[in-house]
């Protein structure tokens, strides 16, 4: 009996020790979103967002999410039963969405104790079409509060103080703009770039200007100009020259298409590529996720695996014959990409080192200057004028700080 007990005890202690050693030696599971951020596509998208900092938003190529709040993360049997997204608002921003859409409805809710029930601003997908939106048909009594969604945006902005986003509110607030303004002032705490009146986003507004003002958010609210002075001076009332496209992968959308004989509007990887080539600035995706090929399709600049700083001395950008970018030794000799003030591209008459670009382009006359494309459409235009030239210098480099690419 004693021998059996001793054997059992030793065996049990051995199992516990083995389990403890295994636990200590094993690494924690990786976060797939972090893995995406560290992948070629994730890094290339981040480089693009750095390259277009000084370019107008109306010239950017930007990925966003459609109905950002309508996610399966928040679903239960009473709310968001037809989700358009797979991740939280915070995680969609981590993946690379820079256009965020929140639909604000002033509607009934049952949050908290029964004596706390009433009306509030909720994130609701009415699911019945724009013309019915203000009736709040399809909203759930348990839909998340707008304040919850804005808090997620604020948390991400606090964690990423150099980033700029467009925050869009589809307005079904029934005129409760002060309540919405209170949420924005409370959660975003001075991060919104003021519109200074009822106007569309200016055609020349850049992310760099937003950051220079100490802000991170360009706020767009539809349904016209608010009579609330605070909201009027904070929110833009239109996108201006910024072009946008979006899709609908909901079951409601599919049912509607079936009965009307229309097609379900879906955006695939090839559509992302073509939209950016055509000059669309914002592509809003449903089901945006880290292993979605449409994210990689949003990379219009760097070639696969680039930039890689080969041998530690590649700090200047070139466009290859295929239109893709590579980082190269700044002392190599290539011709230069030159752009005039009307957006026309030309190639310099002579080749030189990267630092010779300003001189080489100025000799073309007119307003030509050494430049780099900051969107897909311009990149295609440059590619078209190169002829058979394999390498052309671009005015983009990370010479000041390795890995931080700056253009123009």
Protein backbone atom coordinates (compact mmCIF):
# COMPACT_ATOMS: atom_id res chain seq x y z
CA UNK A 1 0.00 0.00 0.00
CA UNK A 2 2.79 2.40 0.95
CA UNK A 3 4.74 1.50 -2.19
CA UNK A 4 1.74 2.15 -4.39
CA UNK A 5 1.05 5.48 -2.72
CA UNK A 6 4.69 6.53 -3.05
CA UNK A 7 4.79 5.50 -6.71
CA UNK A 8 1.60 7.40 -7.41
CA UNK A 9 2.90 10.49 -5.63
CA UNK A 10 6.20 10.46 -7.51
CA UNK A 11 4.40 9.96 -10.84
CA UNK A 12 2.00 12.84 -10.10
CA UNK A 13 4.79 15.18 -9.10
CA UNK A 14 6.68 14.22 -12.25
CA UNK A 15 3.66 15.02 -14.41
CA UNK A 16 3.24 18.40 -12.71
CA UNK A 17 6.92 19.21 -13.20
CA UNK A 18 6.75 18.27 -16.86
CA UNK A 19 3.62 20.35 -17.36
CA UNK A 20 5.27 23.30 -15.61
CA UNK A 21 8.39 23.02 -17.75
CA UNK A 22 6.27 22.83 -20.89
CA UNK A 23 4.31 25.90 -19.84
CA UNK A 24 7.51 27.83 -19.15
CA UNK A 25 9.16 26.87 -22.42
CA UNK A 26 6.16 27.42 -24.70
CA UNK A 27 5.67 30.83 -26.29
CA UNK A 28 2.32 32.61 -26.11
CA UNK A 29 0.15 32.34 -29.20
CA UNK A 30 0.82 35.07 -31.74
CA UNK A 31 -1.72 37.74 -32.48
CA UNK A 32 -2.72 37.41 -36.15
CA UNK A 33 -3.31 41.15 -36.50
CA UNK A 34 0.18 41.89 -35.19
CA UNK A 35 1.51 39.26 -37.58
CA UNK A 36 -0.27 41.07 -40.43
CA UNK A 37 1.16 44.42 -39.36
CA UNK A 38 4.63 42.86 -39.53
CA UNK A 39 4.00 41.21 -42.90
CA UNK A 40 5.01 42.72 -46.23
CA UNK A 41 1.45 43.90 -46.96
CA UNK A 42 1.00 45.44 -43.53
CA UNK A 43 4.31 47.27 -43.69
CA UNK A 44 3.80 48.40 -47.31
CA UNK A 45 0.40 49.87 -46.43
CA UNK A 46 1.98 51.68 -43.48
CA UNK A 47 4.70 53.08 -45.77
CA UNK A 48 2.01 54.33 -48.18
CA UNK A 49 0.25 56.12 -45.33
CA UNK A 50 3.55 57.84 -44.52
CA UNK A 51 4.31 58.69 -48.15
CA UNK A 52 0.99 60.50 -48.71
CA UNK A 53 1.12 62.62 -45.52
CA UNK A 54 1.74 65.82 -47.49
CA UNK A 55 -0.64 64.94 -50.29
CA UNK A 56 -4.28 66.13 -50.18
CA UNK A 57 -6.79 63.60 -48.84
CA UNK A 58 -8.51 64.08 -52.20
CA UNK A 59 -5.43 62.49 -53.80
CA UNK A 60 -4.88 59.63 -51.33
CA UNK A 61 -5.60 55.92 -51.90
CA UNK A 62 -7.18 54.81 -48.62
CA UNK A 63 -8.77 51.60 -47.33
CA UNK A 64 -11.67 51.79 -44.91
CA UNK A 65 -14.47 49.71 -43.47
CA UNK A 66 -18.17 49.95 -44.25
CA UNK A 67 -20.55 50.12 -41.28
CA UNK A 68 -17.55 49.65 -39.02
CA UNK A 69 -19.68 49.17 -35.90
CA UNK A 70 -21.82 46.31 -37.35
CA UNK A 71 -19.48 43.50 -36.33
CA UNK A 72 -19.93 39.90 -35.25
CA UNK A 73 -17.74 40.76 -32.23
CA UNK A 74 -20.74 42.61 -30.82
CA UNK A 75 -23.42 40.17 -32.04
CA UNK A 76 -25.78 38.24 -29.82
CA UNK A 77 -29.34 36.93 -30.39
CA UNK A 78 -30.72 40.44 -29.87
CA UNK A 79 -28.38 42.67 -31.85
CA UNK A 80 -26.18 42.87 -34.97
CA UNK A 81 -27.54 39.58 -36.28
CA UNK A 82 -26.53 40.46 -39.85
CA UNK A 83 -22.94 41.68 -39.30
CA UNK A 84 -20.74 43.26 -41.96
CA UNK A 85 -17.46 43.09 -40.06
CA UNK A 86 -15.47 40.38 -38.26
CA UNK A 87 -13.43 42.47 -35.86
CA UNK A 88 -13.92 45.19 -33.30
CA UNK A 89 -13.68 48.83 -34.32
CA UNK A 90 -10.29 49.01 -32.60
CA UNK A 91 -8.97 45.97 -34.45
CA UNK A 92 -10.26 47.18 -37.84
CA UNK A 93 -8.13 50.28 -37.29
CA UNK A 94 -5.18 48.06 -36.38
CA UNK A 95 -5.59 46.14 -39.62
CA UNK A 96 -5.49 49.34 -41.65
CA UNK A 97 -8.95 50.95 -41.94
CA UNK A 98 -8.52 54.72 -42.05
CA UNK A 99 -12.14 55.54 -42.89
CA UNK A 100 -14.49 54.57 -40.05
CA UNK A 101 -18.27 54.66 -40.33
CA UNK A 102 -20.61 54.91 -37.35
CA UNK A 103 -24.39 55.12 -37.85
CA UNK A 104 -25.89 57.15 -35.01
CA UNK A 105 -29.60 56.64 -34.22
CA UNK A 106 -31.60 58.38 -31.51
CA UNK A 107 -33.76 55.46 -30.52
CA UNK A 108 -35.12 53.37 -27.66
CA UNK A 109 -32.84 51.15 -25.58
CA UNK A 110 -32.98 48.78 -22.62
CA UNK A 111 -29.47 49.22 -21.27
CA UNK A 112 -29.05 49.02 -17.51
CA UNK A 113 -31.83 48.65 -14.97
CA UNK A 114 -35.44 49.02 -16.13
CA UNK A 115 -35.70 52.49 -14.60
CA UNK A 116 -32.71 53.51 -16.77
CA UNK A 117 -34.37 52.50 -20.04
CA UNK A 118 -35.29 55.23 -22.47
CA UNK A 119 -33.75 56.79 -25.58
CA UNK A 120 -30.12 57.34 -26.44
CA UNK A 121 -27.72 57.51 -29.37
CA UNK A 122 -27.17 53.91 -30.49
CA UNK A 123 -25.01 52.34 -33.18
CA UNK A 124 -27.73 50.82 -35.30
CA UNK A 125 -27.89 49.16 -38.70
CA UNK A 126 -31.50 49.73 -39.73
CA UNK A 127 -31.04 47.33 -42.63
CA UNK A 128 -33.86 48.83 -44.62
CA UNK A 129 -32.26 51.45 -46.79
CA UNK A 130 -31.29 55.09 -46.53
CA UNK A 131 -34.79 56.39 -47.17
CA UNK A 132 -36.09 54.49 -44.14
CA UNK A 133 -33.13 55.07 -41.88
CA UNK A 134 -34.68 57.82 -39.79
CA UNK A 135 -37.51 55.50 -38.80
CA UNK A 136 -34.91 53.35 -37.00
CA UNK A 137 -36.62 50.22 -38.32
CA UNK A 138 -34.41 47.24 -37.49
CA UNK A 139 -32.63 48.89 -34.59
CA UNK A 140 -32.36 46.72 -31.50
CA UNK A 141 -33.12 47.82 -27.97
CA UNK A 142 -29.73 46.41 -27.01
CA UNK A 143 -27.59 47.94 -29.76
CA UNK A 144 -24.35 49.45 -28.48
CA UNK A 145 -24.24 53.08 -27.53
CA UNK A 146 -22.49 55.54 -29.85
CA UNK A 147 -20.30 56.48 -26.91
CA UNK A 148 -18.96 52.90 -26.79
CA UNK A 149 -17.90 53.01 -30.44
CA UNK A 150 -16.31 56.45 -30.16
CA UNK A 151 -14.41 55.27 -27.10
CA UNK A 152 -12.83 52.48 -29.18
CA UNK A 153 -11.77 55.01 -31.80
CA UNK A 154 -10.32 57.21 -29.06
CA UNK A 155 -8.40 54.30 -27.55
CA UNK A 156 -6.77 53.51 -30.88
CA UNK A 157 -5.92 57.15 -31.58
CA UNK A 158 -4.33 57.43 -28.14
CA UNK A 159 -2.20 54.38 -28.96
CA UNK A 160 -1.28 55.78 -32.40
CA UNK A 161 -0.80 59.53 -31.95
CA UNK A 162 0.70 60.12 -35.43
CA UNK A 163 -2.21 58.60 -37.36
CA UNK A 164 -5.08 60.47 -39.04
CA UNK A 165 -8.51 59.03 -39.89
CA UNK A 166 -11.76 60.15 -41.46
CA UNK A 167 -14.62 59.49 -39.04
CA UNK A 168 -18.01 59.40 -40.75
CA UNK A 169 -21.34 59.63 -38.93
CA UNK A 170 -24.42 58.60 -40.85
CA UNK A 171 -26.80 60.93 -39.09
CA UNK A 172 -30.10 59.51 -37.82
CA UNK A 173 -29.94 61.47 -34.59
CA UNK A 174 -33.33 63.18 -35.04
CA UNK A 175 -31.63 66.50 -34.37
CA UNK A 176 -29.95 65.42 -31.13
CA UNK A 177 -26.69 66.98 -32.21
CA UNK A 178 -25.80 68.32 -28.78
CA UNK A 179 -25.86 64.80 -27.38
CA UNK A 180 -23.58 63.63 -30.19
CA UNK A 181 -21.32 66.64 -29.70
CA UNK A 182 -21.05 65.88 -25.98
CA UNK A 183 -19.84 62.36 -26.80
CA UNK A 184 -17.28 63.62 -29.32
CA UNK A 185 -15.94 66.26 -26.94
CA UNK A 186 -15.79 63.80 -24.06
CA UNK A 187 -14.20 60.84 -25.84
CA UNK A 188 -12.05 62.45 -28.51
CA UNK A 189 -10.87 65.27 -26.29
CA UNK A 190 -9.78 67.87 -28.83
CA UNK A 191 -8.60 65.41 -31.51
CA UNK A 192 -11.03 66.62 -34.22
CA UNK A 193 -9.86 69.02 -36.93
CA UNK A 194 -12.46 71.80 -36.95
CA UNK A 195 -14.43 72.51 -40.12
CA UNK A 196 -15.17 76.10 -39.03
CA UNK A 197 -18.60 76.03 -40.58
CA UNK A 198 -20.81 74.13 -43.00
CA UNK A 199 -18.52 73.03 -45.80
CA UNK A 200 -17.09 70.00 -47.52
CA UNK A 201 -13.59 68.73 -46.76
CA UNK A 202 -11.23 71.13 -48.61
CA UNK A 203 -9.62 69.73 -51.73
CA UNK A 204 -6.16 70.70 -50.44
CA UNK A 205 -6.42 69.38 -46.87
CA UNK A 206 -3.57 67.00 -45.99
CA UNK A 207 -2.93 64.65 -43.08
CA UNK A 208 0.18 66.69 -42.34
CA UNK A 209 -1.96 69.80 -41.84
CA UNK A 210 -4.28 67.90 -39.52
CA UNK A 211 -1.31 66.70 -37.46
CA UNK A 212 0.29 70.16 -37.48
CA UNK A 213 -2.89 71.43 -35.83
CA UNK A 214 -2.48 68.78 -33.14
CA UNK A 215 -5.49 66.80 -34.42
CA UNK A 216 -6.08 63.26 -35.70
CA UNK A 217 -9.69 63.15 -36.89
CA UNK A 218 -11.43 64.63 -39.91
CA UNK A 219 -15.12 64.45 -39.01
CA UNK A 220 -17.76 64.07 -41.71
CA UNK A 221 -21.44 64.09 -40.76
CA UNK A 222 -24.07 63.81 -43.47
CA UNK A 223 -27.68 65.13 -43.49
CA UNK A 224 -26.68 68.72 -44.05
CA UNK A 225 -25.49 71.48 -41.77
CA UNK A 226 -26.43 71.33 -38.11
CA UNK A 227 -28.07 74.30 -36.43
CA UNK A 228 -26.02 73.40 -33.37
CA UNK A 229 -23.15 75.88 -33.39
CA UNK A 230 -20.66 73.47 -31.83
CA UNK A 231 -21.40 70.69 -34.30
CA UNK A 232 -21.54 73.18 -37.17
CA UNK A 233 -18.00 74.36 -36.48
CA UNK A 234 -16.60 70.88 -35.86
CA UNK A 235 -18.02 68.62 -38.59
CA UNK A 236 -17.62 68.75 -42.35
CA UNK A 237 -20.86 68.26 -44.25
CA UNK A 238 -19.44 66.52 -47.33
CA UNK A 239 -16.43 64.70 -48.74
CA UNK A 240 -15.80 67.33 -51.38
CA UNK A 241 -13.47 65.99 -54.07
CA UNK A 242 -12.78 62.78 -52.16
CA UNK A 243 -14.15 59.82 -54.14
CA UNK A 244 -15.52 56.85 -52.23
CA UNK A 245 -16.91 53.40 -53.04
CA UNK A 246 -18.31 50.69 -50.76
CA UNK A 247 -19.94 47.28 -50.80
CA UNK A 248 -22.78 45.39 -49.09
CA UNK A 249 -22.26 41.78 -47.99
CA UNK A 250 -25.24 41.59 -45.64
CA UNK A 251 -28.00 39.02 -45.95
CA UNK A 252 -30.47 41.88 -46.17
CA UNK A 253 -28.59 43.23 -49.18
CA UNK A 254 -28.66 39.83 -50.87
CA UNK A 255 -32.39 39.44 -50.23
CA UNK A 256 -33.08 42.91 -51.59
CA UNK A 257 -31.05 42.16 -54.71
CA UNK A 258 -32.99 38.92 -55.22
CA UNK A 259 -36.40 40.61 -55.13
CA UNK A 260 -35.34 43.64 -57.19
CA UNK A 261 -33.35 41.67 -59.74
CA UNK A 262 -30.23 43.69 -58.95
CA UNK A 263 -26.72 42.49 -58.24
CA UNK A 264 -25.15 42.24 -54.81
CA UNK A 265 -22.48 44.92 -54.71
CA UNK A 266 -19.24 43.21 -53.68
CA UNK A 267 -15.66 44.42 -53.89
CA UNK A 268 -12.97 41.82 -54.62
CA UNK A 269 -9.18 42.20 -54.76
CA UNK A 270 -9.17 43.09 -58.46
CA UNK A 271 -11.80 45.76 -57.78
CA UNK A 272 -9.61 47.37 -55.13
CA UNK A 273 -6.69 47.54 -57.56
CA UNK A 274 -8.83 49.01 -60.33
CA UNK A 275 -10.63 51.49 -58.10
CA UNK A 276 -7.35 52.99 -56.93
CA UNK A 277 -5.99 53.06 -60.50
CA UNK A 278 -9.14 54.96 -61.53
CA UNK A 279 -8.56 57.57 -58.86
CA UNK A 280 -11.07 56.46 -56.22
CA UNK A 281 -9.72 57.71 -52.90
CA UNK A 282 -11.55 55.53 -50.37
CA UNK A 283 -12.54 51.88 -50.74
CA UNK A 284 -14.78 50.76 -47.87
CA UNK A 285 -14.84 47.01 -47.31
CA UNK A 286 -17.21 44.61 -45.55
CA UNK A 287 -15.59 41.66 -43.74
CA UNK A 288 -12.25 43.48 -43.62
CA UNK A 289 -9.69 41.21 -41.98
CA UNK A 290 -5.97 40.47 -41.64
CA UNK A 291 -5.86 37.51 -44.06
CA UNK A 292 -7.99 39.26 -46.66
CA UNK A 293 -6.22 39.51 -50.03
CA UNK A 294 -7.98 42.84 -50.58
CA UNK A 295 -5.64 44.44 -48.06
CA UNK A 296 -2.57 43.45 -50.10
CA UNK A 297 -4.45 44.61 -53.19
CA UNK A 298 -4.45 48.07 -51.64
CA UNK A 299 -0.65 48.22 -52.01
CA UNK A 300 -0.08 50.19 -55.23
CA UNK A 301 3.55 51.16 -54.58
CA UNK A 302 6.14 48.72 -53.23
CA UNK A 303 6.92 45.47 -54.99
CA UNK A 304 6.70 42.19 -53.07
CA UNK A 305 9.34 42.07 -50.35
CA UNK A 306 10.27 45.73 -50.78
CA UNK A 307 11.60 47.91 -49.29
CA UNK A 308 14.23 45.63 -47.74
CA UNK A 309 17.28 47.91 -47.24
CA UNK A 310 19.53 45.30 -48.83
CA UNK A 311 23.08 45.46 -47.43
CA UNK A 312 21.93 48.30 -45.20
CA UNK A 313 22.40 51.06 -47.78
CA UNK A 314 19.12 51.34 -49.70
CA UNK A 315 17.41 54.56 -48.67
CA UNK A 316 16.01 56.02 -51.92
CA UNK A 317 13.01 54.87 -53.94
CA UNK A 318 12.88 53.90 -57.60
CA UNK A 319 9.99 52.83 -59.79
CA UNK A 320 10.70 49.65 -61.74
CA UNK A 321 9.53 48.86 -65.24
CA UNK A 322 6.44 47.11 -63.87
CA UNK A 323 5.42 50.26 -62.00
CA UNK A 324 6.30 48.83 -58.60
CA UNK A 325 8.76 50.45 -56.21
CA UNK A 326 12.10 49.33 -54.81
CA UNK A 327 14.56 50.89 -52.41
CA UNK A 328 18.02 51.46 -53.93
CA UNK A 329 21.43 52.83 -53.10
CA UNK A 330 21.07 56.63 -53.37
CA UNK A 331 24.40 56.83 -55.20
CA UNK A 332 23.23 54.75 -58.15
CA UNK A 333 22.64 56.52 -61.47
CA UNK A 334 19.11 56.65 -62.86
CA UNK A 335 16.85 59.14 -64.60
CA UNK A 336 14.34 61.07 -62.49
CA UNK A 337 10.55 61.23 -62.20
CA UNK A 338 9.41 64.81 -62.75
CA UNK A 339 5.91 66.26 -62.27
CA UNK A 340 4.54 69.69 -63.13
CA UNK A 341 1.91 71.65 -61.22
CA UNK A 342 -0.86 70.21 -63.41
CA UNK A 343 -0.01 66.63 -62.52
CA UNK A 344 1.75 65.81 -65.80
CA UNK A 345 4.70 63.44 -65.59
CA UNK A 346 7.97 63.43 -67.54
CA UNK A 347 11.38 61.82 -67.28
CA UNK A 348 14.55 63.90 -66.88
CA UNK A 349 16.89 64.27 -69.84
CA UNK A 350 19.86 62.90 -67.94
CA UNK A 351 20.63 60.39 -65.17
CA UNK A 352 22.37 60.99 -61.88
CA UNK A 353 22.42 60.23 -58.20
CA UNK A 354 19.21 60.64 -56.18
CA UNK A 355 20.36 63.98 -54.79
CA UNK A 356 20.57 65.40 -58.32
CA UNK A 357 16.80 65.09 -58.81
CA UNK A 358 15.80 68.71 -58.17
CA UNK A 359 18.36 70.02 -60.67
CA UNK A 360 17.56 67.43 -63.33
CA UNK A 361 13.81 68.06 -63.23
CA UNK A 362 14.11 71.85 -63.14
CA UNK A 363 15.96 71.71 -66.46
CA UNK A 364 12.81 70.41 -68.13
CA UNK A 365 11.41 73.92 -67.71
CA UNK A 366 7.92 74.99 -66.74
CA UNK A 367 6.91 73.90 -63.25
CA UNK A 368 8.51 70.47 -63.38
CA UNK A 369 10.00 69.30 -60.10
CA UNK A 370 11.42 66.07 -58.69
CA UNK A 371 8.45 64.08 -57.41
CA UNK A 372 7.01 60.76 -56.29
CA UNK A 373 3.45 59.57 -56.93
CA UNK A 374 1.33 59.48 -53.77
CA UNK A 375 -1.56 57.47 -55.15
CA UNK A 376 -2.18 54.65 -57.59
CA UNK A 377 -3.54 56.80 -60.42
CA UNK A 378 -0.44 59.02 -60.46
CA UNK A 379 1.80 55.98 -60.21
CA UNK A 380 0.17 54.54 -63.34
CA UNK A 381 0.60 57.86 -65.15
CA UNK A 382 4.32 57.88 -64.37
CA UNK A 383 4.66 54.28 -65.50
CA UNK A 384 3.04 55.19 -68.83
CA UNK A 385 5.60 57.91 -69.69
CA UNK A 386 8.69 55.84 -68.84
CA UNK A 387 8.71 53.88 -72.05
CA UNK A 388 11.01 50.90 -71.63
CA UNK A 389 13.05 52.47 -68.85
CA UNK A 390 13.62 49.96 -66.04
CA UNK A 391 14.56 52.28 -63.14
CA UNK A 392 13.49 55.86 -62.42
CA UNK A 393 14.31 57.78 -59.24
CA UNK A 394 11.34 58.90 -57.10
CA UNK A 395 11.41 61.76 -54.62
CA UNK A 396 10.86 59.41 -51.67
CA UNK A 397 13.40 58.23 -49.13
CA UNK A 398 14.00 57.07 -45.58
CA UNK A 399 17.40 58.73 -45.35
CA UNK A 400 16.41 60.75 -42.27
CA UNK A 401 15.11 57.73 -40.36
CA UNK A 402 15.40 54.11 -41.46
CA UNK A 403 11.97 52.67 -42.20
CA UNK A 404 10.17 56.03 -42.14
CA UNK A 405 9.52 56.88 -45.78
CA UNK A 406 8.83 60.50 -46.71
CA UNK A 407 7.84 61.77 -50.14
CA UNK A 408 8.04 65.17 -51.81
